[in-house]
Amino acid sequence: MLVAEVGETRPDILDTALEPFGTDLERYPADQVREAVEAAITG
């Protein structure tokens, strides 16, 4: 799993860059991910 905060103006650029790896790319709002990670850390 790779989690990265990326600002995108054209989502197709990242999709194309990761295509050779056969990955399913999923996008989530950064604030929601941050909250979930912090909640997991604090238990």
C-alpha atoms as a PDB file:
ATOM      1  CA  MET A   1       0.000   0.000   0.000  1.00  0.00           C
ATOM      2  CA  LEU A   2       1.209   3.464  -0.838  1.00  0.00           C
ATOM      3  CA  VAL A   3      -0.409   6.548   0.608  1.00  0.00           C
ATOM      4  CA  ALA A   4       0.556   9.855  -0.947  1.00  0.00           C
ATOM      5  CA  GLU A   5      -0.855  13.331  -0.765  1.00  0.00           C
ATOM      6  CA  VAL A   6      -0.862  14.631  -4.322  1.00  0.00           C
ATOM      7  CA  GLY A   7      -2.261  17.860  -5.702  1.00  0.00           C
ATOM      8  CA  GLU A   8      -3.702  17.145  -9.119  1.00  0.00           C
ATOM      9  CA  THR A   9      -4.908  19.351 -11.901  1.00  0.00           C
ATOM     10  CA  ARG A  10      -5.072  16.413 -14.328  1.00  0.00           C
ATOM     11  CA  PRO A  11      -5.757  13.017 -12.708  1.00  0.00           C
ATOM     12  CA  ASP A  12      -4.894  11.210 -15.942  1.00  0.00           C
ATOM     13  CA  ILE A  13      -1.187  12.000 -15.451  1.00  0.00           C
ATOM     14  CA  LEU A  14      -0.909   9.945 -12.263  1.00  0.00           C
ATOM     15  CA  ASP A  15      -3.167   7.238 -13.689  1.00  0.00           C
ATOM     16  CA  THR A  16      -0.871   6.913 -16.717  1.00  0.00           C
ATOM     17  CA  ALA A  17       2.300   6.904 -14.600  1.00  0.00           C
ATOM     18  CA  LEU A  18       1.022   4.034 -12.423  1.00  0.00           C
ATOM     19  CA  GLU A  19      -0.586   2.021 -15.225  1.00  0.00           C
ATOM     20  CA  PRO A  20       2.487  -0.210 -15.857  1.00  0.00           C
ATOM     21  CA  PHE A  21       2.219  -1.449 -12.269  1.00  0.00           C
ATOM     22  CA  GLY A  22      -1.320  -2.742 -12.778  1.00  0.00           C
ATOM     23  CA  THR A  23      -2.525  -0.917  -9.717  1.00  0.00           C
ATOM     24  CA  ASP A  24      -6.036   0.087  -8.771  1.00  0.00           C
ATOM     25  CA  LEU A  25      -5.662   3.736  -7.920  1.00  0.00           C
ATOM     26  CA  GLU A  26      -8.125   5.110  -5.383  1.00  0.00           C
ATOM     27  CA  ARG A  27      -8.469   8.729  -4.368  1.00  0.00           C
ATOM     28  CA  TYR A  28      -9.714   9.982  -1.009  1.00  0.00           C
ATOM     29  CA  PRO A  29      -9.896  13.494   0.444  1.00  0.00           C
ATOM     30  CA  ALA A  30      -6.662  14.188   2.359  1.00  0.00           C
ATOM     31  CA  ASP A  31      -8.434  15.437   5.476  1.00  0.00           C
ATOM     32  CA  GLN A  32     -10.418  12.196   5.805  1.00  0.00           C
ATOM     33  CA  VAL A  33      -7.290  10.069   5.416  1.00  0.00           C
ATOM     34  CA  ARG A  34      -5.427  12.174   7.951  1.00  0.00           C
ATOM     35  CA  GLU A  35      -8.267  11.783  10.477  1.00  0.00           C
ATOM     36  CA  ALA A  36      -8.397   8.010   9.962  1.00  0.00           C
ATOM     37  CA  VAL A  37      -4.636   7.635  10.394  1.00  0.00           C
ATOM     38  CA  GLU A  38      -4.597   9.782  13.529  1.00  0.00           C
ATOM     39  CA  ALA A  39      -7.507   7.781  14.971  1.00  0.00           C
ATOM     40  CA  ALA A  40      -5.689   4.506  14.259  1.00  0.00           C
ATOM     41  CA  ILE A  41      -2.532   5.777  15.933  1.00  0.00           C
ATOM     42  CA  THR A  42      -4.272   6.984  19.071  1.00  0.00           C
ATOM     43  CA  GLY A  43      -6.449   3.873  19.263  1.00  0.00           C
END
